[in-house]
Amino acid sequence: MRAIQIHEFGAAEVLIEANIPVPEAGSGQSLVRLRYAGINYTEIYQRSGITEVELPFTPGSEGVGVIVTSARFPKGTRVAWLG
């Protein structure tokens, strides 16, 4: 799947498009197909190194999408999250 990743801290130029494996939902988790991600000051602080994150990092602490697999929710359920 395609993702934006950050491998080093810096300005917007450190954002790179990467092909990464599709994650698998663990026990008690859901796999969501992302439709839209919110990129805000939180991600800017993380990208620039003001807020520490482990690298490589994929920004997007807010988003909306649909359930792909889940033990709790039906496939196709629309979901949103933040933080």
N, C-alpha and C. Protein backbone atom coordinates (compact mmCIF):
# COMPACT_ATOMS: atom_id res chain seq x y z
N MET A 1 0.84 -1.17 0.00
CA MET A 1 0.00 0.00 0.00
C MET A 1 0.88 1.24 0.00
N ARG A 2 0.32 2.34 -0.46
CA ARG A 2 1.07 3.59 -0.50
C ARG A 2 0.91 4.33 0.82
N ALA A 3 1.99 4.95 1.27
CA ALA A 3 1.95 5.74 2.51
C ALA A 3 2.98 6.86 2.41
N ILE A 4 2.72 7.92 3.13
CA ILE A 4 3.72 8.97 3.29
C ILE A 4 4.51 8.63 4.54
N GLN A 5 5.82 8.64 4.44
CA GLN A 5 6.67 8.34 5.60
C GLN A 5 7.72 9.42 5.78
N ILE A 6 8.20 9.48 7.00
CA ILE A 6 9.28 10.40 7.38
C ILE A 6 10.40 9.54 7.94
N HIS A 7 11.57 9.62 7.33
CA HIS A 7 12.73 8.85 7.77
C HIS A 7 13.76 9.70 8.49
N GLU A 8 13.61 11.03 8.39
CA GLU A 8 14.49 11.96 9.09
C GLU A 8 13.69 13.22 9.39
N PHE A 9 14.07 13.94 10.42
CA PHE A 9 13.37 15.16 10.80
C PHE A 9 13.77 16.31 9.88
N GLY A 10 12.83 17.22 9.62
CA GLY A 10 13.14 18.37 8.80
C GLY A 10 11.90 19.03 8.25
N ALA A 11 12.08 19.80 7.18
CA ALA A 11 10.99 20.53 6.52
C ALA A 11 10.17 19.56 5.68
N ALA A 12 9.21 20.09 4.94
CA ALA A 12 8.29 19.26 4.16
C ALA A 12 9.01 18.35 3.17
N GLU A 13 10.23 18.68 2.80
CA GLU A 13 10.98 17.85 1.83
C GLU A 13 11.29 16.46 2.36
N VAL A 14 11.18 16.23 3.68
CA VAL A 14 11.47 14.90 4.23
C VAL A 14 10.29 13.94 4.08
N LEU A 15 9.13 14.44 3.63
CA LEU A 15 7.98 13.58 3.37
C LEU A 15 8.24 12.79 2.09
N ILE A 16 8.18 11.46 2.18
CA ILE A 16 8.41 10.65 1.00
C ILE A 16 7.26 9.65 0.83
N GLU A 17 6.95 9.34 -0.41
CA GLU A 17 5.96 8.31 -0.69
C GLU A 17 6.66 6.96 -0.65
N ALA A 18 6.05 6.00 0.05
CA ALA A 18 6.65 4.68 0.19
C ALA A 18 5.60 3.61 -0.05
N ASN A 19 6.04 2.46 -0.52
CA ASN A 19 5.19 1.28 -0.60
C ASN A 19 5.51 0.43 0.62
N ILE A 20 4.50 0.21 1.47
CA ILE A 20 4.69 -0.58 2.68
C ILE A 20 3.70 -1.73 2.68
N PRO A 21 3.99 -2.79 3.44
CA PRO A 21 3.05 -3.91 3.50
C PRO A 21 1.72 -3.49 4.13
N VAL A 22 0.62 -4.09 3.69
CA VAL A 22 -0.68 -3.86 4.30
C VAL A 22 -0.63 -4.46 5.71
N PRO A 23 -0.97 -3.67 6.73
CA PRO A 23 -0.91 -4.21 8.10
C PRO A 23 -2.01 -5.24 8.33
N GLU A 24 -1.80 -6.06 9.34
CA GLU A 24 -2.81 -7.04 9.74
C GLU A 24 -3.38 -6.61 11.08
N ALA A 25 -4.69 -6.77 11.25
CA ALA A 25 -5.31 -6.44 12.53
C ALA A 25 -4.96 -7.51 13.55
N GLY A 26 -4.51 -7.07 14.71
CA GLY A 26 -4.22 -7.99 15.80
C GLY A 26 -5.48 -8.29 16.60
N SER A 27 -5.33 -9.05 17.63
CA SER A 27 -6.46 -9.40 18.50
C SER A 27 -7.07 -8.13 19.09
N GLY A 28 -8.37 -7.97 18.95
CA GLY A 28 -9.05 -6.81 19.49
C GLY A 28 -8.89 -5.54 18.66
N GLN A 29 -8.28 -5.65 17.49
CA GLN A 29 -8.06 -4.49 16.63
C GLN A 29 -8.91 -4.61 15.36
N SER A 30 -9.02 -3.47 14.67
CA SER A 30 -9.73 -3.43 13.40
C SER A 30 -8.77 -2.91 12.33
N LEU A 31 -8.93 -3.40 11.12
CA LEU A 31 -8.18 -2.87 9.98
C LEU A 31 -9.12 -1.95 9.22
N VAL A 32 -8.67 -0.70 8.97
CA VAL A 32 -9.50 0.33 8.36
C VAL A 32 -8.84 0.79 7.06
N ARG A 33 -9.63 0.87 5.99
CA ARG A 33 -9.16 1.47 4.74
C ARG A 33 -9.34 2.97 4.87
N LEU A 34 -8.22 3.68 4.89
CA LEU A 34 -8.23 5.13 5.08
C LEU A 34 -8.82 5.82 3.86
N ARG A 35 -9.71 6.75 4.10
CA ARG A 35 -10.27 7.58 3.03
C ARG A 35 -9.66 8.99 3.08
N TYR A 36 -9.60 9.57 4.27
CA TYR A 36 -9.00 10.90 4.44
C TYR A 36 -8.24 10.94 5.76
N ALA A 37 -7.09 11.61 5.74
CA ALA A 37 -6.29 11.79 6.95
C ALA A 37 -6.14 13.28 7.21
N GLY A 38 -6.25 13.65 8.48
CA GLY A 38 -6.01 15.04 8.86
C GLY A 38 -4.55 15.23 9.21
N ILE A 39 -3.92 16.17 8.58
CA ILE A 39 -2.52 16.49 8.88
C ILE A 39 -2.52 17.91 9.45
N ASN A 40 -2.13 18.04 10.70
CA ASN A 40 -2.22 19.30 11.41
C ASN A 40 -0.89 19.65 12.08
N TYR A 41 -0.94 20.59 13.00
CA TYR A 41 0.28 21.01 13.69
C TYR A 41 0.96 19.85 14.42
N THR A 42 0.19 18.90 14.92
CA THR A 42 0.79 17.74 15.59
C THR A 42 1.79 17.06 14.66
N GLU A 43 1.39 16.81 13.43
CA GLU A 43 2.27 16.14 12.48
C GLU A 43 3.44 17.05 12.06
N ILE A 44 3.21 18.34 11.98
CA ILE A 44 4.30 19.26 11.66
C ILE A 44 5.35 19.23 12.77
N TYR A 45 4.91 19.24 14.02
CA TYR A 45 5.85 19.17 15.15
C TYR A 45 6.60 17.84 15.14
N GLN A 46 5.91 16.76 14.82
CA GLN A 46 6.56 15.45 14.76
C GLN A 46 7.56 15.41 13.62
N ARG A 47 7.17 15.91 12.44
CA ARG A 47 8.06 15.92 11.28
C ARG A 47 9.31 16.73 11.53
N SER A 48 9.16 17.85 12.21
CA SER A 48 10.30 18.75 12.44
C SER A 48 11.17 18.31 13.60
N GLY A 49 10.70 17.36 14.42
CA GLY A 49 11.49 16.88 15.55
C GLY A 49 11.18 17.58 16.86
N ILE A 50 10.25 18.53 16.86
CA ILE A 50 9.86 19.21 18.10
C ILE A 50 9.22 18.21 19.06
N THR A 51 8.34 17.37 18.52
CA THR A 51 7.74 16.27 19.28
C THR A 51 8.43 14.99 18.85
N GLU A 52 8.97 14.25 19.81
CA GLU A 52 9.73 13.04 19.48
C GLU A 52 8.81 11.90 19.03
N VAL A 53 9.17 11.29 17.92
CA VAL A 53 8.52 10.08 17.43
C VAL A 53 9.60 9.14 16.93
N GLU A 54 9.29 7.87 16.92
CA GLU A 54 10.23 6.87 16.41
C GLU A 54 10.18 6.88 14.89
N LEU A 55 11.33 6.90 14.26
CA LEU A 55 11.42 6.90 12.80
C LEU A 55 11.63 5.48 12.28
N PRO A 56 11.14 5.13 11.10
CA PRO A 56 10.31 5.94 10.21
C PRO A 56 8.92 6.12 10.83
N PHE A 57 8.29 7.22 10.45
CA PHE A 57 7.02 7.63 11.01
C PHE A 57 6.04 7.90 9.88
N THR A 58 4.81 7.45 10.04
CA THR A 58 3.74 7.74 9.07
C THR A 58 2.77 8.70 9.73
N PRO A 59 2.69 9.95 9.25
CA PRO A 59 1.79 10.92 9.88
C PRO A 59 0.33 10.60 9.62
N GLY A 60 -0.53 11.15 10.47
CA GLY A 60 -1.98 10.98 10.30
C GLY A 60 -2.66 10.56 11.58
N SER A 61 -2.70 11.43 12.57
CA SER A 61 -3.32 11.07 13.85
C SER A 61 -4.83 11.28 13.84
N GLU A 62 -5.37 11.78 12.73
CA GLU A 62 -6.82 11.90 12.57
C GLU A 62 -7.19 11.28 11.23
N GLY A 63 -8.35 10.67 11.16
CA GLY A 63 -8.74 10.12 9.88
C GLY A 63 -10.16 9.59 9.86
N VAL A 64 -10.60 9.27 8.66
CA VAL A 64 -11.88 8.61 8.45
C VAL A 64 -11.67 7.49 7.43
N GLY A 65 -12.46 6.45 7.55
CA GLY A 65 -12.34 5.33 6.63
C GLY A 65 -13.45 4.32 6.85
N VAL A 66 -13.24 3.12 6.33
CA VAL A 66 -14.22 2.05 6.47
C VAL A 66 -13.52 0.79 6.97
N ILE A 67 -14.24 0.03 7.77
CA ILE A 67 -13.72 -1.22 8.33
C ILE A 67 -13.50 -2.24 7.21
N VAL A 68 -12.31 -2.84 7.19
CA VAL A 68 -11.99 -3.92 6.26
C VAL A 68 -12.16 -5.25 6.98
N THR A 69 -11.57 -5.38 8.16
CA THR A 69 -11.74 -6.57 8.99
C THR A 69 -11.82 -6.14 10.45
N SER A 70 -12.68 -6.83 11.19
CA SER A 70 -12.85 -6.53 12.61
C SER A 70 -13.65 -7.65 13.25
N ALA A 71 -13.29 -8.00 14.47
CA ALA A 71 -14.08 -8.98 15.21
C ALA A 71 -15.30 -8.31 15.86
N ARG A 72 -15.27 -6.97 15.92
CA ARG A 72 -16.31 -6.24 16.64
C ARG A 72 -17.31 -5.52 15.73
N PHE A 73 -16.85 -5.02 14.58
CA PHE A 73 -17.69 -4.20 13.71
C PHE A 73 -17.86 -4.86 12.35
N PRO A 74 -19.01 -4.67 11.72
CA PRO A 74 -19.22 -5.25 10.39
C PRO A 74 -18.33 -4.59 9.33
N LYS A 75 -17.91 -5.37 8.37
CA LYS A 75 -17.14 -4.85 7.24
C LYS A 75 -17.94 -3.73 6.57
N GLY A 76 -17.26 -2.63 6.21
CA GLY A 76 -17.92 -1.52 5.56
C GLY A 76 -18.42 -0.44 6.51
N THR A 77 -18.32 -0.68 7.83
CA THR A 77 -18.73 0.33 8.80
C THR A 77 -17.85 1.55 8.67
N ARG A 78 -18.46 2.74 8.57
CA ARG A 78 -17.67 3.97 8.49
C ARG A 78 -17.21 4.36 9.89
N VAL A 79 -15.94 4.75 10.00
CA VAL A 79 -15.35 5.11 11.29
C VAL A 79 -14.52 6.37 11.15
N ALA A 80 -14.28 7.03 12.28
CA ALA A 80 -13.42 8.20 12.36
C ALA A 80 -12.62 8.11 13.66
N TRP A 81 -11.45 8.72 13.69
CA TRP A 81 -10.63 8.71 14.90
C TRP A 81 -9.79 9.98 14.97
N LEU A 82 -9.32 10.26 16.16
CA LEU A 82 -8.35 11.34 16.36
C LEU A 82 -7.46 10.96 17.52
N GLY A 83 -6.27 11.54 17.48
CA GLY A 83 -5.30 11.27 18.55
C GLY A 83 -4.79 9.90 18.48
